[in-house]
Amino acid sequence: MTRDYNKLSCLTEIENSDKIFLLSEEAAKYVSLSPQNLREQAKNDPKKLGFNVVVAGTQVRIPRIPFLEFLKGQS
């Protein structure tokens, strides 16, 4: 089994961050989507993503703590 240490390192950075929201570019790599596909899904049917998103006009933000809980299977 191969581990993606860059992804693990970035996840640790996200866990240790004090940011409230993640950008779609930051979250997309963890859910195997392109940032644009994540944005489109967030606008069209956000419930299918499985984690909370905030959409304001053309901007999409992902709340960091609920996103981490989703990745860990806690939500």
PDB file of N, CA and C in Angstrom:
ATOM      1  N   MET A   1       0.842  -1.183   0.000  1.00  0.00           N
ATOM      2  CA  MET A   1       0.000   0.000   0.000  1.00  0.00           C
ATOM      3  C   MET A   1       0.886   1.245   0.000  1.00  0.00           C
ATOM      4  N   THR A   2       0.639   2.123  -0.929  1.00  0.00           N
ATOM      5  CA  THR A   2       1.425   3.343  -1.039  1.00  0.00           C
ATOM      6  C   THR A   2       0.704   4.480  -0.327  1.00  0.00           C
ATOM      7  N   ARG A   3       1.437   5.224   0.443  1.00  0.00           N
ATOM      8  CA  ARG A   3       0.854   6.377   1.120  1.00  0.00           C
ATOM      9  C   ARG A   3       1.235   7.646   0.382  1.00  0.00           C
ATOM     10  N   ASP A   4       0.327   8.580   0.354  1.00  0.00           N
ATOM     11  CA  ASP A   4       0.588   9.878  -0.237  1.00  0.00           C
ATOM     12  C   ASP A   4       0.994  10.822   0.889  1.00  0.00           C
ATOM     13  N   TYR A   5       2.305  10.932   1.133  1.00  0.00           N
ATOM     14  CA  TYR A   5       2.782  11.715   2.267  1.00  0.00           C
ATOM     15  C   TYR A   5       2.531  13.207   2.091  1.00  0.00           C
ATOM     16  N   ASN A   6       2.485  13.692   0.846  1.00  0.00           N
ATOM     17  CA  ASN A   6       2.143  15.096   0.637  1.00  0.00           C
ATOM     18  C   ASN A   6       0.719  15.366   1.101  1.00  0.00           C
ATOM     19  N   LYS A   7      -0.189  14.464   0.775  1.00  0.00           N
ATOM     20  CA  LYS A   7      -1.580  14.629   1.185  1.00  0.00           C
ATOM     21  C   LYS A   7      -1.681  14.583   2.707  1.00  0.00           C
ATOM     22  N   LEU A   8      -0.978  13.620   3.322  1.00  0.00           N
ATOM     23  CA  LEU A   8      -0.988  13.501   4.771  1.00  0.00           C
ATOM     24  C   LEU A   8      -0.425  14.760   5.408  1.00  0.00           C
ATOM     25  N   SER A   9       0.650  15.267   4.860  1.00  0.00           N
ATOM     26  CA  SER A   9       1.256  16.488   5.376  1.00  0.00           C
ATOM     27  C   SER A   9       0.281  17.654   5.277  1.00  0.00           C
ATOM     28  N   CYS A  10      -0.387  17.767   4.147  1.00  0.00           N
ATOM     29  CA  CYS A  10      -1.345  18.860   3.968  1.00  0.00           C
ATOM     30  C   CYS A  10      -2.523  18.703   4.908  1.00  0.00           C
ATOM     31  N   LEU A  11      -2.977  17.462   5.122  1.00  0.00           N
ATOM     32  CA  LEU A  11      -4.077  17.234   6.053  1.00  0.00           C
ATOM     33  C   LEU A  11      -3.683  17.677   7.451  1.00  0.00           C
ATOM     34  N   THR A  12      -2.462  17.380   7.830  1.00  0.00           N
ATOM     35  CA  THR A  12      -1.970  17.837   9.127  1.00  0.00           C
ATOM     36  C   THR A  12      -1.946  19.355   9.182  1.00  0.00           C
ATOM     37  N   GLU A  13      -1.548  19.975   8.096  1.00  0.00           N
ATOM     38  CA  GLU A  13      -1.555  21.441   8.047  1.00  0.00           C
ATOM     39  C   GLU A  13      -2.965  21.986   8.192  1.00  0.00           C
ATOM     40  N   ILE A  14      -3.928  21.334   7.541  1.00  0.00           N
ATOM     41  CA  ILE A  14      -5.326  21.775   7.657  1.00  0.00           C
ATOM     42  C   ILE A  14      -5.803  21.590   9.090  1.00  0.00           C
ATOM     43  N   GLU A  15      -5.461  20.456   9.719  1.00  0.00           N
ATOM     44  CA  GLU A  15      -5.857  20.208  11.105  1.00  0.00           C
ATOM     45  C   GLU A  15      -5.274  21.262  12.043  1.00  0.00           C
ATOM     46  N   ASN A  16      -4.042  21.656  11.798  1.00  0.00           N
ATOM     47  CA  ASN A  16      -3.370  22.610  12.679  1.00  0.00           C
ATOM     48  C   ASN A  16      -3.644  24.068  12.333  1.00  0.00           C
ATOM     49  N   SER A  17      -4.344  24.286  11.256  1.00  0.00           N
ATOM     50  CA  SER A  17      -4.639  25.647  10.804  1.00  0.00           C
ATOM     51  C   SER A  17      -5.665  26.310  11.719  1.00  0.00           C
ATOM     52  N   ASP A  18      -5.659  27.635  11.722  1.00  0.00           N
ATOM     53  CA  ASP A  18      -6.692  28.365  12.450  1.00  0.00           C
ATOM     54  C   ASP A  18      -7.716  28.987  11.489  1.00  0.00           C
ATOM     55  N   LYS A  19      -7.624  28.603  10.211  1.00  0.00           N
ATOM     56  CA  LYS A  19      -8.571  29.098   9.219  1.00  0.00           C
ATOM     57  C   LYS A  19      -9.959  28.551   9.515  1.00  0.00           C
ATOM     58  N   ILE A  20     -10.959  29.343   9.300  1.00  0.00           N
ATOM     59  CA  ILE A  20     -12.337  28.902   9.483  1.00  0.00           C
ATOM     60  C   ILE A  20     -12.825  28.164   8.241  1.00  0.00           C
ATOM     61  N   PHE A  21     -12.448  28.658   7.073  1.00  0.00           N
ATOM     62  CA  PHE A  21     -12.898  28.081   5.811  1.00  0.00           C
ATOM     63  C   PHE A  21     -11.723  27.632   4.960  1.00  0.00           C
ATOM     64  N   LEU A  22     -11.958  26.576   4.170  1.00  0.00           N
ATOM     65  CA  LEU A  22     -11.009  26.131   3.158  1.00  0.00           C
ATOM     66  C   LEU A  22     -11.506  26.574   1.799  1.00  0.00           C
ATOM     67  N   LEU A  23     -10.600  26.767   0.880  1.00  0.00           N
ATOM     68  CA  LEU A  23     -10.960  27.038  -0.503  1.00  0.00           C
ATOM     69  C   LEU A  23     -11.240  25.714  -1.194  1.00  0.00           C
ATOM     70  N   SER A  24     -11.977  25.764  -2.282  1.00  0.00           N
ATOM     71  CA  SER A  24     -12.273  24.532  -3.021  1.00  0.00           C
ATOM     72  C   SER A  24     -10.991  23.864  -3.496  1.00  0.00           C
ATOM     73  N   GLU A  25      -9.971  24.637  -3.827  1.00  0.00           N
ATOM     74  CA  GLU A  25      -8.690  24.074  -4.256  1.00  0.00           C
ATOM     75  C   GLU A  25      -8.054  23.240  -3.149  1.00  0.00           C
ATOM     76  N   GLU A  26      -8.215  23.675  -1.899  1.00  0.00           N
ATOM     77  CA  GLU A  26      -7.623  22.962  -0.781  1.00  0.00           C
ATOM     78  C   GLU A  26      -8.381  21.670  -0.468  1.00  0.00           C
ATOM     79  N   ALA A  27      -9.691  21.704  -0.567  1.00  0.00           N
ATOM     80  CA  ALA A  27     -10.509  20.545  -0.208  1.00  0.00           C
ATOM     81  C   ALA A  27     -10.633  19.525  -1.330  1.00  0.00           C
ATOM     82  N   ALA A  28     -10.582  19.961  -2.568  1.00  0.00           N
ATOM     83  CA  ALA A  28     -10.860  19.077  -3.712  1.00  0.00           C
ATOM     84  C   ALA A  28      -9.951  17.866  -3.765  1.00  0.00           C
ATOM     85  N   LYS A  29      -8.695  18.029  -3.442  1.00  0.00           N
ATOM     86  CA  LYS A  29      -7.761  16.898  -3.556  1.00  0.00           C
ATOM     87  C   LYS A  29      -8.096  15.767  -2.596  1.00  0.00           C
ATOM     88  N   TYR A  30      -8.787  16.048  -1.507  1.00  0.00           N
ATOM     89  CA  TYR A  30      -9.128  15.020  -0.531  1.00  0.00           C
ATOM     90  C   TYR A  30     -10.384  14.242  -0.894  1.00  0.00           C
ATOM     91  N   VAL A  31     -11.165  14.759  -1.825  1.00  0.00           N
ATOM     92  CA  VAL A  31     -12.387  14.075  -2.246  1.00  0.00           C
ATOM     93  C   VAL A  31     -12.310  13.676  -3.718  1.00  0.00           C
ATOM     94  N   SER A  32     -11.110  13.686  -4.263  1.00  0.00           N
ATOM     95  CA  SER A  32     -10.838  13.240  -5.639  1.00  0.00           C
ATOM     96  C   SER A  32     -11.699  13.954  -6.675  1.00  0.00           C
ATOM     97  N   LEU A  33     -11.817  15.249  -6.525  1.00  0.00           N
ATOM     98  CA  LEU A  33     -12.516  16.097  -7.488  1.00  0.00           C
ATOM     99  C   LEU A  33     -11.592  17.224  -7.919  1.00  0.00           C
ATOM    100  N   SER A  34     -11.868  17.760  -9.084  1.00  0.00           N
ATOM    101  CA  SER A  34     -11.171  18.988  -9.453  1.00  0.00           C
ATOM    102  C   SER A  34     -11.823  20.126  -8.675  1.00  0.00           C
ATOM    103  N   PRO A  35     -11.108  21.191  -8.416  1.00  0.00           N
ATOM    104  CA  PRO A  35     -11.718  22.326  -7.719  1.00  0.00           C
ATOM    105  C   PRO A  35     -12.968  22.846  -8.432  1.00  0.00           C
ATOM    106  N   GLN A  36     -12.938  22.861  -9.765  1.00  0.00           N
ATOM    107  CA  GLN A  36     -14.102  23.344 -10.510  1.00  0.00           C
ATOM    108  C   GLN A  36     -15.304  22.417 -10.335  1.00  0.00           C
ATOM    109  N   ASN A  37     -15.077  21.101 -10.367  1.00  0.00           N
ATOM    110  CA  ASN A  37     -16.183  20.165 -10.152  1.00  0.00           C
ATOM    111  C   ASN A  37     -16.758  20.304  -8.749  1.00  0.00           C
ATOM    112  N   LEU A  38     -15.904  20.512  -7.765  1.00  0.00           N
ATOM    113  CA  LEU A  38     -16.383  20.720  -6.406  1.00  0.00           C
ATOM    114  C   LEU A  38     -17.247  21.981  -6.342  1.00  0.00           C
ATOM    115  N   ARG A  39     -16.790  23.056  -6.960  1.00  0.00           N
ATOM    116  CA  ARG A  39     -17.572  24.300  -6.966  1.00  0.00           C
ATOM    117  C   ARG A  39     -18.916  24.103  -7.640  1.00  0.00           C
ATOM    118  N   GLU A  40     -18.922  23.416  -8.770  1.00  0.00           N
ATOM    119  CA  GLU A  40     -20.178  23.191  -9.499  1.00  0.00           C
ATOM    120  C   GLU A  40     -21.143  22.346  -8.676  1.00  0.00           C
ATOM    121  N   GLN A  41     -20.640  21.283  -8.043  1.00  0.00           N
ATOM    122  CA  GLN A  41     -21.501  20.447  -7.212  1.00  0.00           C
ATOM    123  C   GLN A  41     -22.028  21.238  -6.020  1.00  0.00           C
ATOM    124  N   ALA A  42     -21.191  22.065  -5.431  1.00  0.00           N
ATOM    125  CA  ALA A  42     -21.611  22.882  -4.288  1.00  0.00           C
ATOM    126  C   ALA A  42     -22.737  23.824  -4.678  1.00  0.00           C
ATOM    127  N   LYS A  43     -22.699  24.329  -5.879  1.00  0.00           N
ATOM    128  CA  LYS A  43     -23.738  25.255  -6.342  1.00  0.00           C
ATOM    129  C   LYS A  43     -25.013  24.524  -6.759  1.00  0.00           C
ATOM    130  N   ASN A  44     -24.865  23.338  -7.380  1.00  0.00           N
ATOM    131  CA  ASN A  44     -26.020  22.631  -7.938  1.00  0.00           C
ATOM    132  C   ASN A  44     -26.733  21.743  -6.935  1.00  0.00           C
ATOM    133  N   ASP A  45     -26.008  21.007  -6.127  1.00  0.00           N
ATOM    134  CA  ASP A  45     -26.611  20.083  -5.162  1.00  0.00           C
ATOM    135  C   ASP A  45     -25.596  19.774  -4.062  1.00  0.00           C
ATOM    136  N   PRO A  46     -25.413  20.692  -3.132  1.00  0.00           N
ATOM    137  CA  PRO A  46     -24.358  20.552  -2.131  1.00  0.00           C
ATOM    138  C   PRO A  46     -24.512  19.338  -1.219  1.00  0.00           C
ATOM    139  N   LYS A  47     -25.727  18.846  -1.014  1.00  0.00           N
ATOM    140  CA  LYS A  47     -25.927  17.696  -0.123  1.00  0.00           C
ATOM    141  C   LYS A  47     -25.220  16.446  -0.632  1.00  0.00           C
ATOM    142  N   LYS A  48     -25.028  16.340  -1.938  1.00  0.00           N
ATOM    143  CA  LYS A  48     -24.353  15.180  -2.509  1.00  0.00           C
ATOM    144  C   LYS A  48     -22.861  15.152  -2.197  1.00  0.00           C
ATOM    145  N   LEU A  49     -22.300  16.270  -1.783  1.00  0.00           N
ATOM    146  CA  LEU A  49     -20.878  16.301  -1.420  1.00  0.00           C
ATOM    147  C   LEU A  49     -20.617  15.534  -0.128  1.00  0.00           C
ATOM    148  N   GLY A  50     -21.559  15.598   0.793  1.00  0.00           N
ATOM    149  CA  GLY A  50     -21.385  14.902   2.061  1.00  0.00           C
ATOM    150  C   GLY A  50     -20.793  15.753   3.161  1.00  0.00           C
ATOM    151  N   PHE A  51     -20.437  16.982   2.846  1.00  0.00           N
ATOM    152  CA  PHE A  51     -19.915  17.911   3.846  1.00  0.00           C
ATOM    153  C   PHE A  51     -20.492  19.289   3.574  1.00  0.00           C
ATOM    154  N   ASN A  52     -20.487  20.125   4.597  1.00  0.00           N
ATOM    155  CA  ASN A  52     -21.066  21.468   4.492  1.00  0.00           C
ATOM    156  C   ASN A  52     -20.242  22.369   3.586  1.00  0.00           C
ATOM    157  N   VAL A  53     -20.934  23.203   2.848  1.00  0.00           N
ATOM    158  CA  VAL A  53     -20.291  24.228   2.036  1.00  0.00           C
ATOM    159  C   VAL A  53     -21.077  25.520   2.188  1.00  0.00           C
ATOM    160  N   VAL A  54     -20.399  26.620   1.952  1.00  0.00           N
ATOM    161  CA  VAL A  54     -21.032  27.937   1.932  1.00  0.00           C
ATOM    162  C   VAL A  54     -20.860  28.480   0.526  1.00  0.00           C
ATOM    163  N   VAL A  55     -21.973  28.797  -0.114  1.00  0.00           N
ATOM    164  CA  VAL A  55     -21.940  29.346  -1.466  1.00  0.00           C
ATOM    165  C   VAL A  55     -22.490  30.765  -1.403  1.00  0.00           C
ATOM    166  N   ALA A  56     -21.696  31.705  -1.868  1.00  0.00           N
ATOM    167  CA  ALA A  56     -22.107  33.111  -1.920  1.00  0.00           C
ATOM    168  C   ALA A  56     -21.752  33.636  -3.299  1.00  0.00           C
ATOM    169  N   GLY A  57     -22.761  33.730  -4.153  1.00  0.00           N
ATOM    170  CA  GLY A  57     -22.502  34.145  -5.529  1.00  0.00           C
ATOM    171  C   GLY A  57     -21.682  33.080  -6.233  1.00  0.00           C
ATOM    172  N   THR A  58     -20.518  33.458  -6.701  1.00  0.00           N
ATOM    173  CA  THR A  58     -19.643  32.508  -7.386  1.00  0.00           C
ATOM    174  C   THR A  58     -18.598  31.897  -6.455  1.00  0.00           C
ATOM    175  N   GLN A  59     -18.590  32.322  -5.206  1.00  0.00           N
ATOM    176  CA  GLN A  59     -17.576  31.838  -4.273  1.00  0.00           C
ATOM    177  C   GLN A  59     -18.084  30.664  -3.453  1.00  0.00           C
ATOM    178  N   VAL A  60     -17.198  29.683  -3.245  1.00  0.00           N
ATOM    179  CA  VAL A  60     -17.507  28.505  -2.445  1.00  0.00           C
ATOM    180  C   VAL A  60     -16.454  28.401  -1.353  1.00  0.00           C
ATOM    181  N   ARG A  61     -16.917  28.226  -0.133  1.00  0.00           N
ATOM    182  CA  ARG A  61     -16.018  28.029   1.000  1.00  0.00           C
ATOM    183  C   ARG A  61     -16.470  26.781   1.746  1.00  0.00           C
ATOM    184  N   ILE A  62     -15.506  26.047   2.282  1.00  0.00           N
ATOM    185  CA  ILE A  62     -15.782  24.819   3.001  1.00  0.00           C
ATOM    186  C   ILE A  62     -15.376  25.021   4.457  1.00  0.00           C
ATOM    187  N   PRO A  63     -16.309  24.918   5.405  1.00  0.00           N
ATOM    188  CA  PRO A  63     -15.948  25.042   6.814  1.00  0.00           C
ATOM    189  C   PRO A  63     -14.935  23.958   7.197  1.00  0.00           C
ATOM    190  N   ARG A  64     -13.815  24.363   7.736  1.00  0.00           N
ATOM    191  CA  ARG A  64     -12.682  23.476   7.987  1.00  0.00           C
ATOM    192  C   ARG A  64     -13.011  22.337   8.952  1.00  0.00           C
ATOM    193  N   ILE A  65     -13.579  22.624  10.107  1.00  0.00           N
ATOM    194  CA  ILE A  65     -13.822  21.589  11.120  1.00  0.00           C
ATOM    195  C   ILE A  65     -14.817  20.541  10.615  1.00  0.00           C
ATOM    196  N   PRO A  66     -15.981  20.921  10.083  1.00  0.00           N
ATOM    197  CA  PRO A  66     -16.885  19.889   9.555  1.00  0.00           C
ATOM    198  C   PRO A  66     -16.261  19.083   8.405  1.00  0.00           C
ATOM    199  N   PHE A  67     -15.415  19.713   7.597  1.00  0.00           N
ATOM    200  CA  PHE A  67     -14.756  18.996   6.509  1.00  0.00           C
ATOM    201  C   PHE A  67     -13.802  17.947   7.074  1.00  0.00           C
ATOM    202  N   LEU A  68     -13.027  18.294   8.087  1.00  0.00           N
ATOM    203  CA  LEU A  68     -12.126  17.328   8.723  1.00  0.00           C
ATOM    204  C   LEU A  68     -12.915  16.180   9.346  1.00  0.00           C
ATOM    205  N   GLU A  69     -14.050  16.489   9.977  1.00  0.00           N
ATOM    206  CA  GLU A  69     -14.892  15.444  10.560  1.00  0.00           C
ATOM    207  C   GLU A  69     -15.412  14.508   9.470  1.00  0.00           C
ATOM    208  N   PHE A  70     -15.789  15.065   8.324  1.00  0.00           N
ATOM    209  CA  PHE A  70     -16.244  14.259   7.202  1.00  0.00           C
ATOM    210  C   PHE A  70     -15.121  13.311   6.738  1.00  0.00           C
ATOM    211  N   LEU A  71     -13.913  13.830   6.599  1.00  0.00           N
ATOM    212  CA  LEU A  71     -12.796  13.008   6.150  1.00  0.00           C
ATOM    213  C   LEU A  71     -12.486  11.874   7.122  1.00  0.00           C
ATOM    214  N   LYS A  72     -12.708  12.129   8.394  1.00  0.00           N
ATOM    215  CA  LYS A  72     -12.422  11.122   9.423  1.00  0.00           C
ATOM    216  C   LYS A  72     -13.612  10.210   9.690  1.00  0.00           C
ATOM    217  N   GLY A  73     -14.706  10.427   8.947  1.00  0.00           N
ATOM    218  CA  GLY A  73     -15.896   9.597   9.116  1.00  0.00           C
ATOM    219  C   GLY A  73     -16.679   9.914  10.381  1.00  0.00           C
ATOM    220  N   GLN A  74     -16.529  11.126  10.886  1.00  0.00           N
ATOM    221  CA  GLN A  74     -17.194  11.502  12.114  1.00  0.00           C
ATOM    222  C   GLN A  74     -18.489  12.255  11.898  1.00  0.00           C
ATOM    223  N   SER A  75     -18.846  12.502  10.652  1.00  0.00           N
ATOM    224  CA  SER A  75     -20.091  13.244  10.418  1.00  0.00           C
ATOM    225  C   SER A  75     -21.100  12.402   9.705  1.00  0.00           C
TER     226      SER A  75
END
